[in-house]
Amino acid sequence: TVSGDFFREIPVEADIYLMKWIIHDWN
């Protein structure tokens, strides 16, 4: 588990990134 704010940084390295119902919340 890694905590943070994706508007500041996403300090995570992976082969696949999932984002469920994240982008639709924002302009």
mmCIF file of all heavy atoms, coordinates in Angstrom:
data_MODEL
# 
_entry.id   MODEL 
# 
loop_
_atom_site.group_PDB 
_atom_site.id 
_atom_site.type_symbol 
_atom_site.label_atom_id 
_atom_site.label_alt_id 
_atom_site.label_comp_id 
_atom_site.label_asym_id 
_atom_site.label_entity_id 
_atom_site.label_seq_id 
_atom_site.pdbx_PDB_ins_code 
_atom_site.Cartn_x 
_atom_site.Cartn_y 
_atom_site.Cartn_z 
_atom_site.occupancy 
_atom_site.B_iso_or_equiv 
_atom_site.pdbx_formal_charge 
_atom_site.auth_seq_id 
_atom_site.auth_comp_id 
_atom_site.auth_asym_id 
_atom_site.auth_atom_id 
_atom_site.pdbx_PDB_model_num 
ATOM 1   N N   . THR A 1 1  ? 0.838   -1.194 0.000   1.00 0.00 ? 1  THR A N   1 
ATOM 2   C CA  . THR A 1 1  ? 0.000   0.000  0.000   1.00 0.00 ? 1  THR A CA  1 
ATOM 3   C C   . THR A 1 1  ? 0.877   1.250  0.000   1.00 0.00 ? 1  THR A C   1 
ATOM 4   O O   . THR A 1 1  ? 1.899   1.306  0.695   1.00 0.00 ? 1  THR A O   1 
ATOM 5   C CB  . THR A 1 1  ? -0.943  0.029  1.219   1.00 0.00 ? 1  THR A CB  1 
ATOM 6   O OG1 . THR A 1 1  ? -0.183  -0.030 2.421   1.00 0.00 ? 1  THR A OG1 1 
ATOM 7   C CG2 . THR A 1 1  ? -1.921  -1.134 1.172   1.00 0.00 ? 1  THR A CG2 1 
ATOM 8   N N   . VAL A 1 2  ? 0.472   2.230  -0.784  1.00 0.00 ? 2  VAL A N   1 
ATOM 9   C CA  . VAL A 1 2  ? 1.180   3.509  -0.880  1.00 0.00 ? 2  VAL A CA  1 
ATOM 10  C C   . VAL A 1 2  ? 0.130   4.608  -0.793  1.00 0.00 ? 2  VAL A C   1 
ATOM 11  O O   . VAL A 1 2  ? -0.884  4.563  -1.499  1.00 0.00 ? 2  VAL A O   1 
ATOM 12  C CB  . VAL A 1 2  ? 1.962   3.632  -2.208  1.00 0.00 ? 2  VAL A CB  1 
ATOM 13  C CG1 . VAL A 1 2  ? 2.645   4.998  -2.295  1.00 0.00 ? 2  VAL A CG1 1 
ATOM 14  C CG2 . VAL A 1 2  ? 2.972   2.500  -2.349  1.00 0.00 ? 2  VAL A CG2 1 
ATOM 15  N N   . SER A 1 3  ? 0.370   5.588  0.069   1.00 0.00 ? 3  SER A N   1 
ATOM 16  C CA  . SER A 1 3  ? -0.598  6.673  0.201   1.00 0.00 ? 3  SER A CA  1 
ATOM 17  C C   . SER A 1 3  ? -0.058  7.946  -0.430  1.00 0.00 ? 3  SER A C   1 
ATOM 18  O O   . SER A 1 3  ? 1.159   8.157  -0.510  1.00 0.00 ? 3  SER A O   1 
ATOM 19  C CB  . SER A 1 3  ? -0.932  6.921  1.678   1.00 0.00 ? 3  SER A CB  1 
ATOM 20  O OG  . SER A 1 3  ? 0.206   7.322  2.392   1.00 0.00 ? 3  SER A OG  1 
ATOM 21  N N   . GLY A 1 4  ? -0.962  8.787  -0.877  1.00 0.00 ? 4  GLY A N   1 
ATOM 22  C CA  . GLY A 1 4  ? -0.559  10.038 -1.488  1.00 0.00 ? 4  GLY A CA  1 
ATOM 23  C C   . GLY A 1 4  ? -1.719  10.741 -2.156  1.00 0.00 ? 4  GLY A C   1 
ATOM 24  O O   . GLY A 1 4  ? -2.879  10.353 -2.009  1.00 0.00 ? 4  GLY A O   1 
ATOM 25  N N   . ASP A 1 5  ? -1.392  11.760 -2.927  1.00 0.00 ? 5  ASP A N   1 
ATOM 26  C CA  . ASP A 1 5  ? -2.365  12.591 -3.637  1.00 0.00 ? 5  ASP A CA  1 
ATOM 27  C C   . ASP A 1 5  ? -1.995  12.571 -5.117  1.00 0.00 ? 5  ASP A C   1 
ATOM 28  O O   . ASP A 1 5  ? -0.927  13.053 -5.499  1.00 0.00 ? 5  ASP A O   1 
ATOM 29  C CB  . ASP A 1 5  ? -2.309  14.022 -3.091  1.00 0.00 ? 5  ASP A CB  1 
ATOM 30  C CG  . ASP A 1 5  ? -3.249  14.986 -3.803  1.00 0.00 ? 5  ASP A CG  1 
ATOM 31  O OD1 . ASP A 1 5  ? -3.846  14.597 -4.826  1.00 0.00 ? 5  ASP A OD1 1 
ATOM 32  O OD2 . ASP A 1 5  ? -3.359  16.141 -3.344  1.00 0.00 ? 5  ASP A OD2 1 
ATOM 33  N N   . PHE A 1 6  ? -2.871  11.997 -5.962  1.00 0.00 ? 6  PHE A N   1 
ATOM 34  C CA  . PHE A 1 6  ? -2.474  11.840 -7.369  1.00 0.00 ? 6  PHE A CA  1 
ATOM 35  C C   . PHE A 1 6  ? -2.387  13.163 -8.117  1.00 0.00 ? 6  PHE A C   1 
ATOM 36  O O   . PHE A 1 6  ? -1.913  13.205 -9.247  1.00 0.00 ? 6  PHE A O   1 
ATOM 37  C CB  . PHE A 1 6  ? -3.334  10.831 -8.120  1.00 0.00 ? 6  PHE A CB  1 
ATOM 38  C CG  . PHE A 1 6  ? -4.830  10.969 -8.017  1.00 0.00 ? 6  PHE A CG  1 
ATOM 39  C CD1 . PHE A 1 6  ? -5.471  12.193 -8.151  1.00 0.00 ? 6  PHE A CD1 1 
ATOM 40  C CD2 . PHE A 1 6  ? -5.621  9.838  -7.833  1.00 0.00 ? 6  PHE A CD2 1 
ATOM 41  C CE1 . PHE A 1 6  ? -6.840  12.307 -8.088  1.00 0.00 ? 6  PHE A CE1 1 
ATOM 42  C CE2 . PHE A 1 6  ? -7.009  9.934  -7.764  1.00 0.00 ? 6  PHE A CE2 1 
ATOM 43  C CZ  . PHE A 1 6  ? -7.623  11.177 -7.895  1.00 0.00 ? 6  PHE A CZ  1 
ATOM 44  N N   . PHE A 1 7  ? -2.828  14.266 -7.512  1.00 0.00 ? 7  PHE A N   1 
ATOM 45  C CA  . PHE A 1 7  ? -2.609  15.564 -8.139  1.00 0.00 ? 7  PHE A CA  1 
ATOM 46  C C   . PHE A 1 7  ? -1.198  16.093 -7.873  1.00 0.00 ? 7  PHE A C   1 
ATOM 47  O O   . PHE A 1 7  ? -0.759  17.026 -8.540  1.00 0.00 ? 7  PHE A O   1 
ATOM 48  C CB  . PHE A 1 7  ? -3.640  16.588 -7.650  1.00 0.00 ? 7  PHE A CB  1 
ATOM 49  C CG  . PHE A 1 7  ? -4.979  16.451 -8.329  1.00 0.00 ? 7  PHE A CG  1 
ATOM 50  C CD1 . PHE A 1 7  ? -6.089  16.047 -7.615  1.00 0.00 ? 7  PHE A CD1 1 
ATOM 51  C CD2 . PHE A 1 7  ? -5.115  16.719 -9.678  1.00 0.00 ? 7  PHE A CD2 1 
ATOM 52  C CE1 . PHE A 1 7  ? -7.326  15.924 -8.236  1.00 0.00 ? 7  PHE A CE1 1 
ATOM 53  C CE2 . PHE A 1 7  ? -6.346  16.602 -10.309 1.00 0.00 ? 7  PHE A CE2 1 
ATOM 54  C CZ  . PHE A 1 7  ? -7.451  16.198 -9.587  1.00 0.00 ? 7  PHE A CZ  1 
ATOM 55  N N   . ARG A 1 8  ? -0.507  15.508 -6.902  1.00 0.00 ? 8  ARG A N   1 
ATOM 56  C CA  . ARG A 1 8  ? 0.863   15.929 -6.605  1.00 0.00 ? 8  ARG A CA  1 
ATOM 57  C C   . ARG A 1 8  ? 1.881   14.987 -7.240  1.00 0.00 ? 8  ARG A C   1 
ATOM 58  O O   . ARG A 1 8  ? 2.786   15.408 -7.958  1.00 0.00 ? 8  ARG A O   1 
ATOM 59  C CB  . ARG A 1 8  ? 1.070   15.994 -5.091  1.00 0.00 ? 8  ARG A CB  1 
ATOM 60  C CG  . ARG A 1 8  ? 0.209   17.063 -4.433  1.00 0.00 ? 8  ARG A CG  1 
ATOM 61  C CD  . ARG A 1 8  ? 0.581   17.262 -2.985  1.00 0.00 ? 8  ARG A CD  1 
ATOM 62  N NE  . ARG A 1 8  ? -0.189  18.348 -2.395  1.00 0.00 ? 8  ARG A NE  1 
ATOM 63  C CZ  . ARG A 1 8  ? 0.015   18.830 -1.184  1.00 0.00 ? 8  ARG A CZ  1 
ATOM 64  N NH1 . ARG A 1 8  ? 0.987   18.326 -0.419  1.00 0.00 ? 8  ARG A NH1 1 
ATOM 65  N NH2 . ARG A 1 8  ? -0.726  19.817 -0.725  1.00 0.00 ? 8  ARG A NH2 1 
ATOM 66  N N   . GLU A 1 9  ? 1.756   13.704 -6.957  1.00 0.00 ? 9  GLU A N   1 
ATOM 67  C CA  . GLU A 1 9  ? 2.632   12.713 -7.567  1.00 0.00 ? 9  GLU A CA  1 
ATOM 68  C C   . GLU A 1 9  ? 2.028   11.333 -7.369  1.00 0.00 ? 9  GLU A C   1 
ATOM 69  O O   . GLU A 1 9  ? 1.197   11.122 -6.482  1.00 0.00 ? 9  GLU A O   1 
ATOM 70  C CB  . GLU A 1 9  ? 4.044   12.755 -6.954  1.00 0.00 ? 9  GLU A CB  1 
ATOM 71  C CG  . GLU A 1 9  ? 4.094   12.414 -5.479  1.00 0.00 ? 9  GLU A CG  1 
ATOM 72  C CD  . GLU A 1 9  ? 5.516   12.274 -4.967  1.00 0.00 ? 9  GLU A CD  1 
ATOM 73  O OE1 . GLU A 1 9  ? 6.444   12.155 -5.803  1.00 0.00 ? 9  GLU A OE1 1 
ATOM 74  O OE2 . GLU A 1 9  ? 5.702   12.265 -3.732  1.00 0.00 ? 9  GLU A OE2 1 
ATOM 75  N N   . ILE A 1 10 ? 2.473   10.412 -8.216  1.00 0.00 ? 10 ILE A N   1 
ATOM 76  C CA  . ILE A 1 10 ? 2.074   9.012  -8.087  1.00 0.00 ? 10 ILE A CA  1 
ATOM 77  C C   . ILE A 1 10 ? 3.366   8.194  -8.063  1.00 0.00 ? 10 ILE A C   1 
ATOM 78  O O   . ILE A 1 10 ? 3.823   7.705  -9.103  1.00 0.00 ? 10 ILE A O   1 
ATOM 79  C CB  . ILE A 1 10 ? 1.145   8.574  -9.244  1.00 0.00 ? 10 ILE A CB  1 
ATOM 80  C CG1 . ILE A 1 10 ? -0.066  9.511  -9.343  1.00 0.00 ? 10 ILE A CG1 1 
ATOM 81  C CG2 . ILE A 1 10 ? 0.683   7.129  -9.044  1.00 0.00 ? 10 ILE A CG2 1 
ATOM 82  C CD1 . ILE A 1 10 ? -0.974  9.223  -10.525 1.00 0.00 ? 10 ILE A CD1 1 
ATOM 83  N N   . PRO A 1 11 ? 3.978   8.064  -6.895  1.00 0.00 ? 11 PRO A N   1 
ATOM 84  C CA  . PRO A 1 11 ? 5.291   7.413  -6.808  1.00 0.00 ? 11 PRO A CA  1 
ATOM 85  C C   . PRO A 1 11 ? 5.183   5.892  -6.841  1.00 0.00 ? 11 PRO A C   1 
ATOM 86  O O   . PRO A 1 11 ? 5.590   5.191  -5.909  1.00 0.00 ? 11 PRO A O   1 
ATOM 87  C CB  . PRO A 1 11 ? 5.815   7.914  -5.468  1.00 0.00 ? 11 PRO A CB  1 
ATOM 88  C CG  . PRO A 1 11 ? 4.585   8.087  -4.632  1.00 0.00 ? 11 PRO A CG  1 
ATOM 89  C CD  . PRO A 1 11 ? 3.507   8.550  -5.590  1.00 0.00 ? 11 PRO A CD  1 
ATOM 90  N N   . VAL A 1 12 ? 4.675   5.382  -7.944  1.00 0.00 ? 12 VAL A N   1 
ATOM 91  C CA  . VAL A 1 12 ? 4.413   3.948  -8.084  1.00 0.00 ? 12 VAL A CA  1 
ATOM 92  C C   . VAL A 1 12 ? 4.898   3.502  -9.454  1.00 0.00 ? 12 VAL A C   1 
ATOM 93  O O   . VAL A 1 12 ? 4.522   4.096  -10.471 1.00 0.00 ? 12 VAL A O   1 
ATOM 94  C CB  . VAL A 1 12 ? 2.898   3.655  -7.951  1.00 0.00 ? 12 VAL A CB  1 
ATOM 95  C CG1 . VAL A 1 12 ? 2.608   2.188  -8.251  1.00 0.00 ? 12 VAL A CG1 1 
ATOM 96  C CG2 . VAL A 1 12 ? 2.392   4.023  -6.560  1.00 0.00 ? 12 VAL A CG2 1 
ATOM 97  N N   . GLU A 1 13 ? 5.706   2.456  -9.491  1.00 0.00 ? 13 GLU A N   1 
ATOM 98  C CA  . GLU A 1 13 ? 6.164   1.890  -10.763 1.00 0.00 ? 13 GLU A CA  1 
ATOM 99  C C   . GLU A 1 13 ? 5.541   0.517  -10.941 1.00 0.00 ? 13 GLU A C   1 
ATOM 100 O O   . GLU A 1 13 ? 5.643   -0.344 -10.064 1.00 0.00 ? 13 GLU A O   1 
ATOM 101 C CB  . GLU A 1 13 ? 7.693   1.785  -10.782 1.00 0.00 ? 13 GLU A CB  1 
ATOM 102 C CG  . GLU A 1 13 ? 8.254   1.397  -12.143 1.00 0.00 ? 13 GLU A CG  1 
ATOM 103 C CD  . GLU A 1 13 ? 9.771   1.470  -12.191 1.00 0.00 ? 13 GLU A CD  1 
ATOM 104 O OE1 . GLU A 1 13 ? 10.313  2.566  -11.923 1.00 0.00 ? 13 GLU A OE1 1 
ATOM 105 O OE2 . GLU A 1 13 ? 10.389  0.427  -12.503 1.00 0.00 ? 13 GLU A OE2 1 
ATOM 106 N N   . ALA A 1 14 ? 4.886   0.309  -12.068 1.00 0.00 ? 14 ALA A N   1 
ATOM 107 C CA  . ALA A 1 14 ? 4.179   -0.950 -12.307 1.00 0.00 ? 14 ALA A CA  1 
ATOM 108 C C   . ALA A 1 14 ? 4.135   -1.251 -13.796 1.00 0.00 ? 14 ALA A C   1 
ATOM 109 O O   . ALA A 1 14 ? 4.406   -0.383 -14.640 1.00 0.00 ? 14 ALA A O   1 
ATOM 110 C CB  . ALA A 1 14 ? 2.761   -0.872 -11.738 1.00 0.00 ? 14 ALA A CB  1 
ATOM 111 N N   . ASP A 1 15 ? 3.784   -2.489 -14.116 1.00 0.00 ? 15 ASP A N   1 
ATOM 112 C CA  . ASP A 1 15 ? 3.599   -2.882 -15.513 1.00 0.00 ? 15 ASP A CA  1 
ATOM 113 C C   . ASP A 1 15 ? 2.223   -2.480 -16.016 1.00 0.00 ? 15 ASP A C   1 
ATOM 114 O O   . ASP A 1 15 ? 2.049   -2.107 -17.176 1.00 0.00 ? 15 ASP A O   1 
ATOM 115 C CB  . ASP A 1 15 ? 3.781   -4.395 -15.664 1.00 0.00 ? 15 ASP A CB  1 
ATOM 116 C CG  . ASP A 1 15 ? 5.155   -4.862 -15.222 1.00 0.00 ? 15 ASP A CG  1 
ATOM 117 O OD1 . ASP A 1 15 ? 6.146   -4.297 -15.704 1.00 0.00 ? 15 ASP A OD1 1 
ATOM 118 O OD2 . ASP A 1 15 ? 5.224   -5.778 -14.378 1.00 0.00 ? 15 ASP A OD2 1 
ATOM 119 N N   . ILE A 1 16 ? 1.231   -2.579 -15.117 1.00 0.00 ? 16 ILE A N   1 
ATOM 120 C CA  . ILE A 1 16 ? -0.146  -2.217 -15.451 1.00 0.00 ? 16 ILE A CA  1 
ATOM 121 C C   . ILE A 1 16 ? -0.695  -1.329 -14.344 1.00 0.00 ? 16 ILE A C   1 
ATOM 122 O O   . ILE A 1 16 ? -0.557  -1.647 -13.157 1.00 0.00 ? 16 ILE A O   1 
ATOM 123 C CB  . ILE A 1 16 ? -1.041  -3.467 -15.612 1.00 0.00 ? 16 ILE A CB  1 
ATOM 124 C CG1 . ILE A 1 16 ? -0.598  -4.308 -16.812 1.00 0.00 ? 16 ILE A CG1 1 
ATOM 125 C CG2 . ILE A 1 16 ? -2.506  -3.064 -15.769 1.00 0.00 ? 16 ILE A CG2 1 
ATOM 126 C CD1 . ILE A 1 16 ? -1.373  -5.605 -16.963 1.00 0.00 ? 16 ILE A CD1 1 
ATOM 127 N N   . TYR A 1 17 ? -1.312  -0.224 -14.747 1.00 0.00 ? 17 TYR A N   1 
ATOM 128 C CA  . TYR A 1 17 ? -1.965  0.679  -13.801 1.00 0.00 ? 17 TYR A CA  1 
ATOM 129 C C   . TYR A 1 17 ? -3.476  0.612  -14.038 1.00 0.00 ? 17 TYR A C   1 
ATOM 130 O O   . TYR A 1 17 ? -3.943  0.803  -15.168 1.00 0.00 ? 17 TYR A O   1 
ATOM 131 C CB  . TYR A 1 17 ? -1.494  2.117  -13.997 1.00 0.00 ? 17 TYR A CB  1 
ATOM 132 C CG  . TYR A 1 17 ? -0.029  2.344  -13.730 1.00 0.00 ? 17 TYR A CG  1 
ATOM 133 C CD1 . TYR A 1 17 ? 0.909   2.216  -14.757 1.00 0.00 ? 17 TYR A CD1 1 
ATOM 134 C CD2 . TYR A 1 17 ? 0.428   2.697  -12.462 1.00 0.00 ? 17 TYR A CD2 1 
ATOM 135 C CE1 . TYR A 1 17 ? 2.259   2.439  -14.520 1.00 0.00 ? 17 TYR A CE1 1 
ATOM 136 C CE2 . TYR A 1 17 ? 1.775   2.929  -12.217 1.00 0.00 ? 17 TYR A CE2 1 
ATOM 137 C CZ  . TYR A 1 17 ? 2.687   2.793  -13.248 1.00 0.00 ? 17 TYR A CZ  1 
ATOM 138 O OH  . TYR A 1 17 ? 4.025   3.018  -13.010 1.00 0.00 ? 17 TYR A OH  1 
ATOM 139 N N   . LEU A 1 18 ? -4.238  0.365  -12.982 1.00 0.00 ? 18 LEU A N   1 
ATOM 140 C CA  . LEU A 1 18 ? -5.693  0.398  -13.036 1.00 0.00 ? 18 LEU A CA  1 
ATOM 141 C C   . LEU A 1 18 ? -6.187  1.732  -12.493 1.00 0.00 ? 18 LEU A C   1 
ATOM 142 O O   . LEU A 1 18 ? -5.654  2.253  -11.513 1.00 0.00 ? 18 LEU A O   1 
ATOM 143 C CB  . LEU A 1 18 ? -6.292  -0.730 -12.195 1.00 0.00 ? 18 LEU A CB  1 
ATOM 144 C CG  . LEU A 1 18 ? -5.881  -2.170 -12.504 1.00 0.00 ? 18 LEU A CG  1 
ATOM 145 C CD1 . LEU A 1 18 ? -6.395  -3.104 -11.413 1.00 0.00 ? 18 LEU A CD1 1 
ATOM 146 C CD2 . LEU A 1 18 ? -6.424  -2.594 -13.862 1.00 0.00 ? 18 LEU A CD2 1 
ATOM 147 N N   . MET A 1 19 ? -7.229  2.266  -13.126 1.00 0.00 ? 19 MET A N   1 
ATOM 148 C CA  . MET A 1 19 ? -7.934  3.431  -12.587 1.00 0.00 ? 19 MET A CA  1 
ATOM 149 C C   . MET A 1 19 ? -9.425  3.230  -12.848 1.00 0.00 ? 19 MET A C   1 
ATOM 150 O O   . MET A 1 19 ? -9.878  3.336  -13.981 1.00 0.00 ? 19 MET A O   1 
ATOM 151 C CB  . MET A 1 19 ? -7.481  4.730  -13.257 1.00 0.00 ? 19 MET A CB  1 
ATOM 152 C CG  . MET A 1 19 ? -6.140  5.250  -12.821 1.00 0.00 ? 19 MET A CG  1 
ATOM 153 S SD  . MET A 1 19 ? -5.853  6.904  -13.538 1.00 0.00 ? 19 MET A SD  1 
ATOM 154 C CE  . MET A 1 19 ? -4.321  7.353  -12.741 1.00 0.00 ? 19 MET A CE  1 
ATOM 155 N N   . LYS A 1 20 ? -10.157 2.915  -11.794 1.00 0.00 ? 20 LYS A N   1 
ATOM 156 C CA  . LYS A 1 20 ? -11.596 2.696  -11.953 1.00 0.00 ? 20 LYS A CA  1 
ATOM 157 C C   . LYS A 1 20 ? -12.365 3.927  -11.504 1.00 0.00 ? 20 LYS A C   1 
ATOM 158 O O   . LYS A 1 20 ? -12.274 4.329  -10.344 1.00 0.00 ? 20 LYS A O   1 
ATOM 159 C CB  . LYS A 1 20 ? -12.054 1.482  -11.146 1.00 0.00 ? 20 LYS A CB  1 
ATOM 160 C CG  . LYS A 1 20 ? -13.566 1.213  -11.265 1.00 0.00 ? 20 LYS A CG  1 
ATOM 161 C CD  . LYS A 1 20 ? -14.017 0.085  -10.386 1.00 0.00 ? 20 LYS A CD  1 
ATOM 162 C CE  . LYS A 1 20 ? -13.986 0.427  -8.936  1.00 0.00 ? 20 LYS A CE  1 
ATOM 163 N NZ  . LYS A 1 20 ? -14.977 1.496  -8.553  1.00 0.00 ? 20 LYS A NZ  1 
ATOM 164 N N   . TRP A 1 21 ? -13.136 4.490  -12.422 1.00 0.00 ? 21 TRP A N   1 
ATOM 165 C CA  . TRP A 1 21 ? -13.982 5.652  -12.130 1.00 0.00 ? 21 TRP A CA  1 
ATOM 166 C C   . TRP A 1 21 ? -13.174 6.759  -11.444 1.00 0.00 ? 21 TRP A C   1 
ATOM 167 O O   . TRP A 1 21 ? -13.629 7.360  -10.490 1.00 0.00 ? 21 TRP A O   1 
ATOM 168 C CB  . TRP A 1 21 ? -15.187 5.249  -11.275 1.00 0.00 ? 21 TRP A CB  1 
ATOM 169 C CG  . TRP A 1 21 ? -16.381 4.908  -12.110 1.00 0.00 ? 21 TRP A CG  1 
ATOM 170 C CD1 . TRP A 1 21 ? -16.528 5.055  -13.444 1.00 0.00 ? 21 TRP A CD1 1 
ATOM 171 C CD2 . TRP A 1 21 ? -17.616 4.346  -11.630 1.00 0.00 ? 21 TRP A CD2 1 
ATOM 172 N NE1 . TRP A 1 21 ? -17.769 4.630  -13.849 1.00 0.00 ? 21 TRP A NE1 1 
ATOM 173 C CE2 . TRP A 1 21 ? -18.447 4.181  -12.759 1.00 0.00 ? 21 TRP A CE2 1 
ATOM 174 C CE3 . TRP A 1 21 ? -18.078 3.964  -10.375 1.00 0.00 ? 21 TRP A CE3 1 
ATOM 175 C CZ2 . TRP A 1 21 ? -19.727 3.654  -12.650 1.00 0.00 ? 21 TRP A CZ2 1 
ATOM 176 C CZ3 . TRP A 1 21 ? -19.355 3.441  -10.283 1.00 0.00 ? 21 TRP A CZ3 1 
ATOM 177 C CH2 . TRP A 1 21 ? -20.163 3.294  -11.411 1.00 0.00 ? 21 TRP A CH2 1 
ATOM 178 N N   . ILE A 1 22 ? -11.983 7.028  -11.965 1.00 0.00 ? 22 ILE A N   1 
ATOM 179 C CA  . ILE A 1 22 ? -11.161 8.125  -11.465 1.00 0.00 ? 22 ILE A CA  1 
ATOM 180 C C   . ILE A 1 22 ? -11.228 9.304  -12.425 1.00 0.00 ? 22 ILE A C   1 
ATOM 181 O O   . ILE A 1 22 ? -11.637 10.404 -12.061 1.00 0.00 ? 22 ILE A O   1 
ATOM 182 C CB  . ILE A 1 22 ? -9.691  7.682  -11.279 1.00 0.00 ? 22 ILE A CB  1 
ATOM 183 C CG1 . ILE A 1 22 ? -9.598  6.521  -10.288 1.00 0.00 ? 22 ILE A CG1 1 
ATOM 184 C CG2 . ILE A 1 22 ? -8.838  8.871  -10.836 1.00 0.00 ? 22 ILE A CG2 1 
ATOM 185 C CD1 . ILE A 1 22 ? -10.043 6.862  -8.894  1.00 0.00 ? 22 ILE A CD1 1 
ATOM 186 N N   . ILE A 1 23 ? -10.859 9.067  -13.667 1.00 0.00 ? 23 ILE A N   1 
ATOM 187 C CA  . ILE A 1 23 ? -10.756 10.159 -14.640 1.00 0.00 ? 23 ILE A CA  1 
ATOM 188 C C   . ILE A 1 23 ? -12.111 10.819 -14.893 1.00 0.00 ? 23 ILE A C   1 
ATOM 189 O O   . ILE A 1 23 ? -12.185 12.034 -15.121 1.00 0.00 ? 23 ILE A O   1 
ATOM 190 C CB  . ILE A 1 23 ? -10.127 9.653  -15.948 1.00 0.00 ? 23 ILE A CB  1 
ATOM 191 C CG1 . ILE A 1 23 ? -8.684  9.178  -15.686 1.00 0.00 ? 23 ILE A CG1 1 
ATOM 192 C CG2 . ILE A 1 23 ? -10.136 10.715 -17.029 1.00 0.00 ? 23 ILE A CG2 1 
ATOM 193 C CD1 . ILE A 1 23 ? -7.769  10.248 -15.112 1.00 0.00 ? 23 ILE A CD1 1 
ATOM 194 N N   . HIS A 1 24 ? -13.200 10.067 -14.805 1.00 0.00 ? 24 HIS A N   1 
ATOM 195 C CA  . HIS A 1 24 ? -14.507 10.679 -15.090 1.00 0.00 ? 24 HIS A CA  1 
ATOM 196 C C   . HIS A 1 24 ? -14.924 11.704 -14.036 1.00 0.00 ? 24 HIS A C   1 
ATOM 197 O O   . HIS A 1 24 ? -15.845 12.492 -14.270 1.00 0.00 ? 24 HIS A O   1 
ATOM 198 C CB  . HIS A 1 24 ? -15.580 9.602  -15.272 1.00 0.00 ? 24 HIS A CB  1 
ATOM 199 C CG  . HIS A 1 24 ? -16.183 9.073  -14.008 1.00 0.00 ? 24 HIS A CG  1 
ATOM 200 N ND1 . HIS A 1 24 ? -17.440 8.529  -13.956 1.00 0.00 ? 24 HIS A ND1 1 
ATOM 201 C CD2 . HIS A 1 24 ? -15.696 8.981  -12.743 1.00 0.00 ? 24 HIS A CD2 1 
ATOM 202 C CE1 . HIS A 1 24 ? -17.715 8.143  -12.723 1.00 0.00 ? 24 HIS A CE1 1 
ATOM 203 N NE2 . HIS A 1 24 ? -16.670 8.402  -11.969 1.00 0.00 ? 24 HIS A NE2 1 
ATOM 204 N N   . ASP A 1 25 ? -14.258 11.702 -12.883 1.00 0.00 ? 25 ASP A N   1 
ATOM 205 C CA  . ASP A 1 25 ? -14.598 12.674 -11.840 1.00 0.00 ? 25 ASP A CA  1 
ATOM 206 C C   . ASP A 1 25 ? -14.091 14.083 -12.139 1.00 0.00 ? 25 ASP A C   1 
ATOM 207 O O   . ASP A 1 25 ? -14.511 15.035 -11.471 1.00 0.00 ? 25 ASP A O   1 
ATOM 208 C CB  . ASP A 1 25 ? -13.980 12.242 -10.499 1.00 0.00 ? 25 ASP A CB  1 
ATOM 209 C CG  . ASP A 1 25 ? -14.769 11.136 -9.818  1.00 0.00 ? 25 ASP A CG  1 
ATOM 210 O OD1 . ASP A 1 25 ? -15.986 11.045 -10.052 1.00 0.00 ? 25 ASP A OD1 1 
ATOM 211 O OD2 . ASP A 1 25 ? -14.167 10.376 -9.043  1.00 0.00 ? 25 ASP A OD2 1 
ATOM 212 N N   . TRP A 1 26 ? -13.199 14.221 -13.133 1.00 0.00 ? 26 TRP A N   1 
ATOM 213 C CA  . TRP A 1 26 ? -12.465 15.463 -13.287 1.00 0.00 ? 26 TRP A CA  1 
ATOM 214 C C   . TRP A 1 26 ? -12.608 16.037 -14.684 1.00 0.00 ? 26 TRP A C   1 
ATOM 215 O O   . TRP A 1 26 ? -12.833 15.300 -15.648 1.00 0.00 ? 26 TRP A O   1 
ATOM 216 C CB  . TRP A 1 26 ? -10.986 15.229 -12.966 1.00 0.00 ? 26 TRP A CB  1 
ATOM 217 C CG  . TRP A 1 26 ? -10.797 14.542 -11.653 1.00 0.00 ? 26 TRP A CG  1 
ATOM 218 C CD1 . TRP A 1 26 ? -10.530 13.226 -11.437 1.00 0.00 ? 26 TRP A CD1 1 
ATOM 219 C CD2 . TRP A 1 26 ? -10.906 15.139 -10.346 1.00 0.00 ? 26 TRP A CD2 1 
ATOM 220 N NE1 . TRP A 1 26 ? -10.452 12.961 -10.089 1.00 0.00 ? 26 TRP A NE1 1 
ATOM 221 C CE2 . TRP A 1 26 ? -10.684 14.117 -9.399  1.00 0.00 ? 26 TRP A CE2 1 
ATOM 222 C CE3 . TRP A 1 26 ? -11.161 16.451 -9.905  1.00 0.00 ? 26 TRP A CE3 1 
ATOM 223 C CZ2 . TRP A 1 26 ? -10.723 14.359 -8.024  1.00 0.00 ? 26 TRP A CZ2 1 
ATOM 224 C CZ3 . TRP A 1 26 ? -11.195 16.692 -8.537  1.00 0.00 ? 26 TRP A CZ3 1 
ATOM 225 C CH2 . TRP A 1 26 ? -10.971 15.652 -7.621  1.00 0.00 ? 26 TRP A CH2 1 
ATOM 226 N N   . ASN A 1 27 ? -12.433 17.367 -14.800 1.00 0.00 ? 27 ASN A N   1 
ATOM 227 C CA  . ASN A 1 27 ? -12.471 17.993 -16.115 1.00 0.00 ? 27 ASN A CA  1 
ATOM 228 C C   . ASN A 1 27 ? -11.192 17.662 -16.888 1.00 0.00 ? 27 ASN A C   1 
ATOM 229 O O   . ASN A 1 27 ? -10.294 16.975 -16.368 1.00 0.00 ? 27 ASN A O   1 
ATOM 230 C CB  . ASN A 1 27 ? -12.685 19.508 -15.997 1.00 0.00 ? 27 ASN A CB  1 
ATOM 231 C CG  . ASN A 1 27 ? -11.537 20.232 -15.293 1.00 0.00 ? 27 ASN A CG  1 
ATOM 232 O OD1 . ASN A 1 27 ? -10.369 19.863 -15.413 1.00 0.00 ? 27 ASN A OD1 1 
ATOM 233 N ND2 . ASN A 1 27 ? -11.866 21.287 -14.560 1.00 0.00 ? 27 ASN A ND2 1 
# 
